């Protein structure tokens, strides 16, 4: 091959400088949004003690944030069309920053939870805009490298988030977990103001406000009820029954509305008629459940039972993120070759194997063994998401892909919110039951909570068996990645 030909080929592989500039601007703004999904985990014990509340209530600082991230996904596309992508991006980043400042000065747990939801609304608007702007700027070329860029904060979040959070809590007040977002947000705003082109608003776009007004409080009500089960130690209380009943009723009302409305619903429930789509979203829900839920239990165990500092607990969580990195990049390639089902089943098996050691935890359980188990667990979680995403669009018409992309994002985030709330409820109940047993009893309570986590992982086998044995050609897989990135 001649030097000229080699240079031409290299030029084709090279990303356009204007595209790289756009990616830097957007990633500068969104990185802390992703980190905030895990940065608070190591501070839950400190928050619960500092704000005089239970772990079951304190976990809402995670659940509320993650739930808000998911629920505003459908709003992002409408807002970008209606007001312009640059305008919405800067408004969302400013909202995230304001939520961070307010969180840092929160006077009680209720205020902190509310401000974390505000953060989540801002961050949830940004993530879809990031993807859409980069894909549009690329013109559909080099999607693999582009998706690697988009996924970078998601890959680093599980590794660096707990470590950064632990470093801050170890040396400063928990309030600095939120203050640290402010300089990054200011830099992101300046870069966006100077570097992004103003979007052109388009009239006539539609947002299903009624659906949003029904679904968001429905999920919040159910989650709140589950939280109170742990606090009240049972379901037989009005503060549990009332929000649970209201949430179920609102959820039913949303289903009726979504099926009957003549305009595009917030979530098109008719998509669930397709078996592969239903199986994929059930798998994503349980993947979020297992990933986010366990990230609540792990640092609490290390801090409350082993007496480790928040920083050390954050470092002990890093192996799970490393494990995810080991398998995530290869999962897509293997899915194209042998199909999603065997990859997902293998991922579930690894996740279960990596969780077993935690079901046996005691006061003096070897931390090296637990760290190695986390690598295995992370490898399993990393092998699940990409194959599931690749099958979510099989059997759908091209016009359904955009809505399906939003649903897959929502499923993963809602799974994370429910996983955190339910495992916190189980842990709180078990801690109450083993209160008289001292530190050994508390360790047993954590072991029981991890048994539940293992059980939920095993349940994921059911939707995984319903996934197609084969997926699609690599070219079609590119279009899937175009549609949605976890």
Protein backbone atom coordinates (compact mmCIF):
# COMPACT_ATOMS: atom_id res chain seq x y z
CA UNK A 1 0.00 0.00 0.00
CA UNK A 2 1.41 3.40 -0.98
CA UNK A 3 2.11 6.16 1.54
CA UNK A 4 -0.66 8.27 0.00
CA UNK A 5 -3.16 5.43 0.38
CA UNK A 6 -2.09 4.83 3.99
CA UNK A 7 -2.49 8.52 4.75
CA UNK A 8 -5.97 8.52 3.17
CA UNK A 9 -6.98 5.50 5.24
CA UNK A 10 -5.67 7.15 8.40
CA UNK A 11 -7.68 10.24 7.55
CA UNK A 12 -10.84 8.19 7.33
CA UNK A 13 -10.17 6.72 10.78
CA UNK A 14 -9.38 10.11 12.33
CA UNK A 15 -12.25 11.90 14.04
CA UNK A 16 -12.97 15.42 12.78
CA UNK A 17 -11.45 18.13 15.05
CA UNK A 18 -14.80 19.92 15.22
CA UNK A 19 -16.42 16.71 16.41
CA UNK A 20 -13.71 16.18 19.05
CA UNK A 21 -14.28 19.76 20.28
CA UNK A 22 -18.02 19.10 20.57
CA UNK A 23 -17.38 15.85 22.44
CA UNK A 24 -15.04 17.56 24.92
CA UNK A 25 -17.61 20.29 25.60
CA UNK A 26 -20.42 17.82 26.21
CA UNK A 27 -18.37 15.33 28.24
CA UNK A 28 -17.08 18.17 30.43
CA UNK A 29 -20.66 18.98 31.33
CA UNK A 30 -22.02 15.47 31.78
CA UNK A 31 -19.22 13.66 33.63
CA UNK A 32 -20.29 14.72 37.13
CA UNK A 33 -23.90 13.80 36.30
CA UNK A 34 -22.82 10.19 35.80
CA UNK A 35 -20.44 10.22 38.76
CA UNK A 36 -23.26 11.39 41.01
CA UNK A 37 -25.05 8.06 40.49
CA UNK A 38 -22.34 6.38 42.60
CA UNK A 39 -20.45 9.14 44.43
CA UNK A 40 -23.02 9.32 47.25
CA UNK A 41 -23.05 5.57 48.00
CA UNK A 42 -20.06 5.63 50.32
CA UNK A 43 -21.60 8.56 52.24
CA UNK A 44 -24.95 6.92 53.09
CA UNK A 45 -23.78 5.83 56.55
CA UNK A 46 -22.42 9.33 57.25
CA UNK A 47 -25.61 10.95 55.91
CA UNK A 48 -27.85 8.72 58.02
CA UNK A 49 -25.94 9.54 61.20
CA UNK A 50 -25.36 13.21 60.40
CA UNK A 51 -28.98 13.92 59.47
CA UNK A 52 -30.41 11.66 62.21
CA UNK A 53 -32.31 9.28 59.96
CA UNK A 54 -32.35 5.62 58.96
CA UNK A 55 -30.41 4.03 56.12
CA UNK A 56 -33.76 3.17 54.51
CA UNK A 57 -34.63 6.87 54.36
CA UNK A 58 -31.11 8.08 53.52
CA UNK A 59 -30.99 5.81 50.47
CA UNK A 60 -33.59 8.08 48.88
CA UNK A 61 -30.70 10.40 48.08
CA UNK A 62 -29.72 7.67 45.60
CA UNK A 63 -33.16 6.38 44.57
CA UNK A 64 -34.63 9.86 44.07
CA UNK A 65 -31.70 10.91 41.89
CA UNK A 66 -31.69 7.75 39.77
CA UNK A 67 -35.49 7.79 39.38
CA UNK A 68 -35.41 11.42 38.22
CA UNK A 69 -32.65 10.57 35.72
CA UNK A 70 -34.94 8.02 34.11
CA UNK A 71 -38.26 9.81 34.25
CA UNK A 72 -37.15 12.93 32.35
CA UNK A 73 -35.65 11.00 29.42
CA UNK A 74 -38.83 11.40 27.29
CA UNK A 75 -38.88 15.11 28.13
CA UNK A 76 -35.38 15.69 26.73
CA UNK A 77 -36.31 15.05 23.09
CA UNK A 78 -39.41 17.23 23.29
CA UNK A 79 -37.53 20.06 25.02
CA UNK A 80 -34.68 19.98 22.48
CA UNK A 81 -37.14 20.24 19.60
CA UNK A 82 -39.20 22.92 21.31
CA UNK A 83 -36.42 25.19 22.63
CA UNK A 84 -33.21 24.08 20.89
CA UNK A 85 -30.56 21.60 22.08
CA UNK A 86 -28.00 24.21 23.24
CA UNK A 87 -30.57 26.13 25.22
CA UNK A 88 -31.88 23.00 26.94
CA UNK A 89 -28.37 21.68 27.57
CA UNK A 90 -27.29 24.87 29.34
CA UNK A 91 -30.56 25.13 31.29
CA UNK A 92 -30.25 21.48 32.39
CA UNK A 93 -26.61 21.90 33.43
CA UNK A 94 -27.53 25.04 35.37
CA UNK A 95 -30.36 23.12 37.06
CA UNK A 96 -27.94 20.33 37.98
CA UNK A 97 -25.55 22.91 39.46
CA UNK A 98 -28.31 24.63 41.44
CA UNK A 99 -29.45 21.23 42.73
CA UNK A 100 -25.85 20.51 43.78
CA UNK A 101 -25.52 23.82 45.65
CA UNK A 102 -28.84 23.31 47.41
CA UNK A 103 -27.91 19.72 48.29
CA UNK A 104 -24.69 20.95 49.88
CA UNK A 105 -26.61 23.26 52.24
CA UNK A 106 -29.54 20.90 52.94
CA UNK A 107 -30.75 21.25 56.54
CA UNK A 108 -32.43 17.84 56.84
CA UNK A 109 -32.87 14.59 54.93
CA UNK A 110 -36.15 15.67 53.31
CA UNK A 111 -34.53 18.78 51.85
CA UNK A 112 -31.53 16.78 50.65
CA UNK A 113 -33.75 14.23 48.90
CA UNK A 114 -35.73 17.00 47.19
CA UNK A 115 -32.59 18.75 45.99
CA UNK A 116 -31.15 15.45 44.75
CA UNK A 117 -34.28 14.97 42.66
CA UNK A 118 -33.68 18.46 41.24
CA UNK A 119 -30.15 17.37 40.37
CA UNK A 120 -31.51 14.25 38.69
CA UNK A 121 -33.96 16.22 36.56
CA UNK A 122 -31.13 18.38 35.22
CA UNK A 123 -28.82 15.41 34.64
CA UNK A 124 -31.54 13.28 33.07
CA UNK A 125 -32.20 15.96 30.45
CA UNK A 126 -28.50 16.11 29.55
CA UNK A 127 -27.75 12.44 28.87
CA UNK A 128 -30.04 11.96 25.82
CA UNK A 129 -28.99 15.35 24.40
CA UNK A 130 -25.33 14.31 24.65
CA UNK A 131 -26.00 11.20 22.59
CA UNK A 132 -28.18 12.92 20.02
CA UNK A 133 -25.79 15.84 19.39
CA UNK A 134 -22.76 13.57 18.92
CA UNK A 135 -24.56 11.14 16.63
CA UNK A 136 -25.95 14.01 14.55
CA UNK A 137 -22.52 15.66 14.34
CA UNK A 138 -20.94 12.41 13.16
CA UNK A 139 -23.41 12.01 10.31
CA UNK A 140 -23.75 8.34 11.26
CA UNK A 141 -20.07 7.56 10.64
CA UNK A 142 -17.63 5.87 13.05
CA UNK A 143 -20.46 4.98 15.42
CA UNK A 144 -18.37 2.48 17.34
CA UNK A 145 -15.77 5.06 18.33
CA UNK A 146 -18.48 7.62 19.04
CA UNK A 147 -20.34 5.27 21.35
CA UNK A 148 -17.08 4.57 23.14
CA UNK A 149 -16.76 8.31 23.79
CA UNK A 150 -20.37 8.58 24.99
CA UNK A 151 -19.93 5.59 27.28
CA UNK A 152 -16.69 6.84 28.85
CA UNK A 153 -18.26 8.53 31.92
CA UNK A 154 -20.55 5.51 32.38
CA UNK A 155 -17.54 3.20 32.40
CA UNK A 156 -15.51 5.32 34.81
CA UNK A 157 -18.40 6.16 37.16
CA UNK A 158 -18.55 2.80 39.01
CA UNK A 159 -14.76 2.88 39.51
CA UNK A 160 -14.00 6.51 40.33
CA UNK A 161 -17.34 7.66 41.78
CA UNK A 162 -17.10 5.76 45.10
CA UNK A 163 -13.37 6.55 45.38
CA UNK A 164 -13.90 10.29 44.86
CA UNK A 165 -16.86 10.23 47.24
CA UNK A 166 -14.82 8.37 49.86
CA UNK A 167 -11.89 10.74 49.47
CA UNK A 168 -14.13 13.75 50.04
CA UNK A 169 -16.06 12.30 52.99
CA UNK A 170 -12.83 11.04 54.58
CA UNK A 171 -11.18 14.46 54.58
CA UNK A 172 -14.04 16.97 54.39
CA UNK A 173 -17.73 17.19 55.20
CA UNK A 174 -20.26 15.14 53.19
CA UNK A 175 -21.50 18.47 51.86
CA UNK A 176 -18.41 18.73 49.66
CA UNK A 177 -19.67 15.75 47.65
CA UNK A 178 -22.08 18.24 46.08
CA UNK A 179 -19.89 21.35 46.18
CA UNK A 180 -17.36 19.57 43.96
CA UNK A 181 -19.94 19.61 41.14
CA UNK A 182 -20.05 23.41 41.05
CA UNK A 183 -16.68 24.21 39.39
CA UNK A 184 -17.18 21.42 36.85
CA UNK A 185 -20.66 22.76 36.07
CA UNK A 186 -19.39 26.33 35.67
CA UNK A 187 -16.65 25.21 33.30
CA UNK A 188 -19.19 23.15 31.37
CA UNK A 189 -21.55 26.13 31.09
CA UNK A 190 -18.82 28.45 29.81
CA UNK A 191 -17.64 25.87 27.30
CA UNK A 192 -21.20 25.23 26.08
CA UNK A 193 -21.98 28.95 25.82
CA UNK A 194 -18.86 29.56 23.72
CA UNK A 195 -18.68 26.31 21.75
CA UNK A 196 -22.20 25.02 21.03
CA UNK A 197 -24.23 26.32 18.14
CA UNK A 198 -27.68 27.61 19.10
CA UNK A 199 -30.39 25.09 18.30
CA UNK A 200 -33.31 25.99 16.09
CA UNK A 201 -36.61 25.48 17.95
CA UNK A 202 -39.29 23.54 16.12
CA UNK A 203 -42.95 24.12 16.84
CA UNK A 204 -45.55 21.40 16.86
CA UNK A 205 -43.68 18.93 19.07
CA UNK A 206 -45.79 17.07 21.63
CA UNK A 207 -45.14 15.98 25.20
CA UNK A 208 -47.46 13.60 27.02
CA UNK A 209 -47.87 15.76 30.13
CA UNK A 210 -50.77 13.67 31.43
CA UNK A 211 -48.70 10.49 31.20
CA UNK A 212 -45.77 12.13 32.98
CA UNK A 213 -48.08 13.44 35.72
CA UNK A 214 -49.44 9.93 36.30
CA UNK A 215 -46.30 7.79 36.00
CA UNK A 216 -43.82 9.84 38.05
CA UNK A 217 -45.89 10.04 41.28
CA UNK A 218 -46.98 6.41 40.79
CA UNK A 219 -43.40 5.16 40.92
CA UNK A 220 -42.46 7.61 43.68
CA UNK A 221 -45.42 6.48 45.79
CA UNK A 222 -44.56 2.80 45.46
CA UNK A 223 -40.90 3.46 46.26
CA UNK A 224 -41.83 5.59 49.27
CA UNK A 225 -44.07 2.82 50.60
CA UNK A 226 -41.26 0.28 50.27
CA UNK A 227 -38.93 2.64 52.13
CA UNK A 228 -41.41 2.99 55.00
CA UNK A 229 -41.73 -0.80 55.28
CA UNK A 230 -38.16 -0.86 56.56
CA UNK A 231 -38.66 2.12 58.85
CA UNK A 232 -41.96 0.83 60.33
CA UNK A 233 -40.86 -2.82 60.24
CA UNK A 234 -43.88 -4.09 58.32
CA UNK A 235 -46.65 -3.38 55.80
CA UNK A 236 -49.46 -2.93 58.32
CA UNK A 237 -49.19 0.84 58.68
CA UNK A 238 -51.19 3.63 57.06
CA UNK A 239 -47.98 5.41 55.96
CA UNK A 240 -47.10 2.27 53.97
CA UNK A 241 -50.54 1.26 52.70
CA UNK A 242 -51.68 4.74 51.55
CA UNK A 243 -48.76 5.61 49.19
CA UNK A 244 -48.59 2.00 47.97
CA UNK A 245 -52.30 2.00 47.07
CA UNK A 246 -52.06 5.46 45.50
CA UNK A 247 -49.03 4.40 43.47
CA UNK A 248 -50.74 1.28 42.16
CA UNK A 249 -53.89 3.23 41.24
CA UNK A 250 -51.87 5.91 39.43
CA UNK A 251 -49.87 3.22 37.63
CA UNK A 252 -53.11 1.61 36.44
CA UNK A 253 -54.43 5.01 35.35
CA UNK A 254 -51.24 5.57 33.36
CA UNK A 255 -51.64 2.20 31.62
CA UNK A 256 -55.22 3.06 30.62
CA UNK A 257 -54.15 6.50 29.41
CA UNK A 258 -51.17 5.18 27.42
CA UNK A 259 -53.32 2.58 25.64
CA UNK A 260 -56.21 4.92 24.86
CA UNK A 261 -54.55 8.21 23.95
CA UNK A 262 -54.52 9.09 20.25
CA UNK A 263 -51.33 11.10 20.58
CA UNK A 264 -47.84 9.66 21.26
CA UNK A 265 -47.82 8.42 24.88
CA UNK A 266 -44.93 8.97 27.28
CA UNK A 267 -44.26 5.22 27.09
CA UNK A 268 -45.85 3.23 24.29
CA UNK A 269 -47.07 0.13 26.12
CA UNK A 270 -47.91 -1.55 22.81
CA UNK A 271 -44.19 -2.12 22.35
CA UNK A 272 -44.42 -4.77 25.04
CA UNK A 273 -46.43 -6.96 22.68
CA UNK A 274 -43.06 -7.86 21.13
CA UNK A 275 -41.53 -10.66 23.22
CA UNK A 276 -37.91 -9.68 22.67
CA UNK A 277 -38.63 -6.10 23.73
CA UNK A 278 -40.44 -7.21 26.89
CA UNK A 279 -37.69 -9.68 27.78
CA UNK A 280 -34.98 -7.10 27.16
CA UNK A 281 -36.63 -4.46 29.37
CA UNK A 282 -37.30 -6.96 32.16
CA UNK A 283 -33.63 -7.90 31.99
CA UNK A 284 -32.57 -4.24 32.06
CA UNK A 285 -34.81 -3.59 35.06
CA UNK A 286 -33.22 -6.47 36.97
CA UNK A 287 -29.73 -5.44 35.82
CA UNK A 288 -30.30 -1.96 37.25
CA UNK A 289 -31.76 -3.61 40.33
CA UNK A 290 -28.68 -5.73 40.91
CA UNK A 291 -26.13 -3.07 40.04
CA UNK A 292 -27.44 -0.06 41.98
CA UNK A 293 -28.93 -2.09 44.86
CA UNK A 294 -25.68 -3.87 45.68
CA UNK A 295 -23.78 -0.57 45.48
CA UNK A 296 -25.82 0.53 48.50
CA UNK A 297 -25.09 -2.61 50.55
CA UNK A 298 -21.38 -2.94 49.83
CA UNK A 299 -20.01 0.32 51.30
CA UNK A 300 -22.36 0.05 54.28
CA UNK A 301 -21.04 -3.44 55.03
CA UNK A 302 -17.41 -2.33 54.85
CA UNK A 303 -18.03 0.71 57.05
CA UNK A 304 -20.45 -0.70 59.63
CA UNK A 305 -19.04 -4.22 60.01
CA UNK A 306 -15.35 -3.90 59.10
CA UNK A 307 -15.07 -0.38 60.48
CA UNK A 308 -13.44 0.93 57.30
CA UNK A 309 -13.29 4.60 56.38
CA UNK A 310 -15.44 5.94 53.50
CA UNK A 311 -12.30 6.26 51.35
CA UNK A 312 -11.24 2.67 51.94
CA UNK A 313 -14.80 1.49 51.34
CA UNK A 314 -14.77 3.37 48.02
CA UNK A 315 -11.50 1.70 47.03
CA UNK A 316 -12.95 -1.69 47.94
CA UNK A 317 -15.84 -1.03 45.52
CA UNK A 318 -13.51 -0.30 42.58
CA UNK A 319 -13.00 -4.01 41.62
CA UNK A 320 -16.64 -4.24 40.51
CA UNK A 321 -16.09 -1.40 38.04
CA UNK A 322 -12.89 -3.05 36.83
CA UNK A 323 -14.80 -6.27 36.23
CA UNK A 324 -17.40 -4.40 34.19
CA UNK A 325 -14.64 -2.96 32.01
CA UNK A 326 -13.23 -6.43 31.34
CA UNK A 327 -16.37 -7.78 29.68
CA UNK A 328 -18.38 -4.78 28.51
CA UNK A 329 -16.39 -4.11 25.32
CA UNK A 330 -16.35 -7.78 24.26
CA UNK A 331 -20.00 -8.44 24.99
CA UNK A 332 -21.22 -6.67 21.84
CA UNK A 333 -18.85 -8.56 19.54
CA UNK A 334 -19.81 -11.92 21.03
CA UNK A 335 -23.49 -11.03 20.79
CA UNK A 336 -23.13 -10.53 17.03
CA UNK A 337 -21.45 -13.93 16.73
CA UNK A 338 -23.49 -16.22 18.97
CA UNK A 339 -26.54 -14.19 20.02
CA UNK A 340 -27.60 -12.36 23.17
CA UNK A 341 -29.16 -15.19 25.16
CA UNK A 342 -25.98 -17.18 25.97
CA UNK A 343 -24.03 -14.01 26.75
CA UNK A 344 -26.69 -12.71 29.14
CA UNK A 345 -27.07 -16.10 30.82
CA UNK A 346 -23.30 -16.27 31.28
CA UNK A 347 -23.37 -12.74 32.70
CA UNK A 348 -26.10 -13.69 35.18
CA UNK A 349 -24.09 -16.76 36.23
CA UNK A 350 -20.97 -14.64 36.84
CA UNK A 351 -22.99 -12.06 38.78
CA UNK A 352 -24.47 -14.80 40.96
CA UNK A 353 -21.08 -16.44 41.56
CA UNK A 354 -19.58 -13.08 42.49
CA UNK A 355 -22.40 -12.45 44.98
CA UNK A 356 -22.18 -15.79 46.81
CA UNK A 357 -19.21 -14.74 48.97
CA UNK A 358 -21.22 -11.79 50.26
CA UNK A 359 -24.06 -14.03 51.42
CA UNK A 360 -21.56 -15.60 53.84
CA UNK A 361 -20.11 -12.38 55.24
CA UNK A 362 -19.15 -12.11 58.89
CA UNK A 363 -17.22 -9.72 61.07
CA UNK A 364 -13.81 -10.88 59.83
CA UNK A 365 -14.49 -12.00 56.25
CA UNK A 366 -11.34 -11.73 54.12
CA UNK A 367 -11.43 -8.52 52.06
CA UNK A 368 -9.20 -9.95 49.32
CA UNK A 369 -11.74 -12.73 48.73
CA UNK A 370 -14.53 -10.14 48.66
CA UNK A 371 -12.55 -7.98 46.22
CA UNK A 372 -11.98 -10.89 43.84
CA UNK A 373 -15.67 -11.75 44.09
CA UNK A 374 -16.50 -8.18 43.10
CA UNK A 375 -14.35 -8.47 39.96
CA UNK A 376 -16.34 -11.56 38.98
CA UNK A 377 -19.62 -9.83 39.85
CA UNK A 378 -18.70 -6.77 37.81
CA UNK A 379 -17.70 -8.94 34.86
CA UNK A 380 -21.16 -10.49 34.96
CA UNK A 381 -22.96 -7.15 35.11
CA UNK A 382 -20.81 -5.82 32.27
CA UNK A 383 -21.79 -8.78 30.09
CA UNK A 384 -25.52 -8.22 30.51
CA UNK A 385 -26.40 -4.68 29.43
CA UNK A 386 -24.98 -4.45 25.88
CA UNK A 387 -26.46 -7.77 24.61
CA UNK A 388 -29.83 -6.90 26.13
CA UNK A 389 -29.80 -3.50 24.42
CA UNK A 390 -28.94 -5.19 21.13
CA UNK A 391 -32.07 -7.33 21.26
CA UNK A 392 -34.49 -4.69 22.53
CA UNK A 393 -35.25 -3.49 18.99
CA UNK A 394 -35.80 -6.82 17.25
CA UNK A 395 -39.26 -7.05 15.74
CA UNK A 396 -39.93 -3.30 16.01
CA UNK A 397 -40.75 -1.01 13.11
CA UNK A 398 -38.27 1.79 12.38
CA UNK A 399 -40.77 4.38 13.67
CA UNK A 400 -40.87 2.65 17.06
CA UNK A 401 -37.12 2.71 17.70
CA UNK A 402 -37.00 6.24 19.15
CA UNK A 403 -39.69 5.49 21.75
CA UNK A 404 -38.14 2.10 22.47
CA UNK A 405 -34.80 3.79 23.16
CA UNK A 406 -36.41 5.96 25.84
CA UNK A 407 -38.13 2.96 27.41
CA UNK A 408 -34.88 0.99 27.70
CA UNK A 409 -33.18 3.89 29.46
CA UNK A 410 -36.13 4.27 31.82
CA UNK A 411 -36.20 0.53 32.60
CA UNK A 412 -32.55 0.53 33.66
CA UNK A 413 -32.89 3.63 35.85
CA UNK A 414 -36.16 2.55 37.47
CA UNK A 415 -34.62 -0.85 38.18
CA UNK A 416 -31.76 0.94 39.93
CA UNK A 417 -34.15 3.05 42.01
CA UNK A 418 -36.26 0.05 43.03
CA UNK A 419 -33.20 -2.10 43.73
CA UNK A 420 -31.74 0.50 46.06
CA UNK A 421 -35.05 1.04 47.88
CA UNK A 422 -35.96 -2.64 48.28
CA UNK A 423 -32.53 -3.79 49.45
CA UNK A 424 -32.38 -0.85 51.87
CA UNK A 425 -35.78 -1.90 53.22
CA UNK A 426 -34.62 -5.53 53.61
CA UNK A 427 -31.37 -4.45 55.30
CA UNK A 428 -33.16 -2.10 57.72
CA UNK A 429 -35.67 -4.82 58.66
CA UNK A 430 -32.89 -7.35 59.20
CA UNK A 431 -30.83 -4.94 61.30
CA UNK A 432 -33.83 -4.40 63.55
CA UNK A 433 -34.34 -8.16 63.84
CA UNK A 434 -30.66 -8.82 64.69
CA UNK A 435 -30.19 -5.77 66.90
CA UNK A 436 -29.55 -7.87 70.03
CA UNK A 437 -26.84 -9.90 68.32
CA UNK A 438 -24.24 -7.14 68.32
CA UNK A 439 -21.77 -6.82 65.45
CA UNK A 440 -22.11 -10.49 64.50
CA UNK A 441 -25.89 -10.03 64.27
CA UNK A 442 -25.45 -6.99 62.05
CA UNK A 443 -23.13 -8.97 59.78
CA UNK A 444 -25.80 -11.66 59.57
CA UNK A 445 -28.31 -8.99 58.56
CA UNK A 446 -26.05 -7.95 55.67
CA UNK A 447 -25.67 -11.60 54.67
CA UNK A 448 -29.46 -11.96 54.47
CA UNK A 449 -29.73 -8.81 52.36
CA UNK A 450 -27.10 -10.20 49.98
CA UNK A 451 -29.07 -13.48 49.78
CA UNK A 452 -32.00 -11.41 48.53
CA UNK A 453 -29.71 -9.69 46.02
CA UNK A 454 -28.59 -13.13 44.82
CA UNK A 455 -32.23 -14.21 44.53
CA UNK A 456 -33.11 -11.23 42.37
CA UNK A 457 -30.10 -12.03 40.17
CA UNK A 458 -31.31 -15.61 39.69
CA UNK A 459 -34.81 -14.36 38.81
CA UNK A 460 -33.20 -12.55 35.87
CA UNK A 461 -32.72 -15.96 34.23
CA UNK A 462 -36.45 -16.02 33.36
CA UNK A 463 -36.50 -12.99 31.01
CA UNK A 464 -33.03 -13.94 29.74
CA UNK A 465 -34.39 -17.28 28.49
CA UNK A 466 -36.97 -15.33 26.47
CA UNK A 467 -34.31 -13.35 24.63
CA UNK A 468 -33.67 -14.38 21.00
CA UNK A 469 -30.92 -16.95 20.55
CA UNK A 470 -29.51 -14.88 17.68
CA UNK A 471 -29.57 -11.14 17.21
CA UNK A 472 -28.58 -9.51 13.98
CA UNK A 473 -25.81 -8.56 11.63
CA UNK A 474 -23.09 -6.14 12.77
CA UNK A 475 -24.52 -3.46 10.49
CA UNK A 476 -27.88 -3.71 12.18
CA UNK A 477 -26.19 -3.70 15.55
CA UNK A 478 -24.68 -0.32 14.65
CA UNK A 479 -28.16 1.08 14.18
CA UNK A 480 -29.10 -0.25 17.62
CA UNK A 481 -26.16 1.52 19.21
CA UNK A 482 -27.22 4.62 17.34
CA UNK A 483 -30.60 4.36 19.01
CA UNK A 484 -29.55 3.86 22.60
CA UNK A 485 -26.47 3.77 24.74
CA UNK A 486 -26.70 2.53 28.33
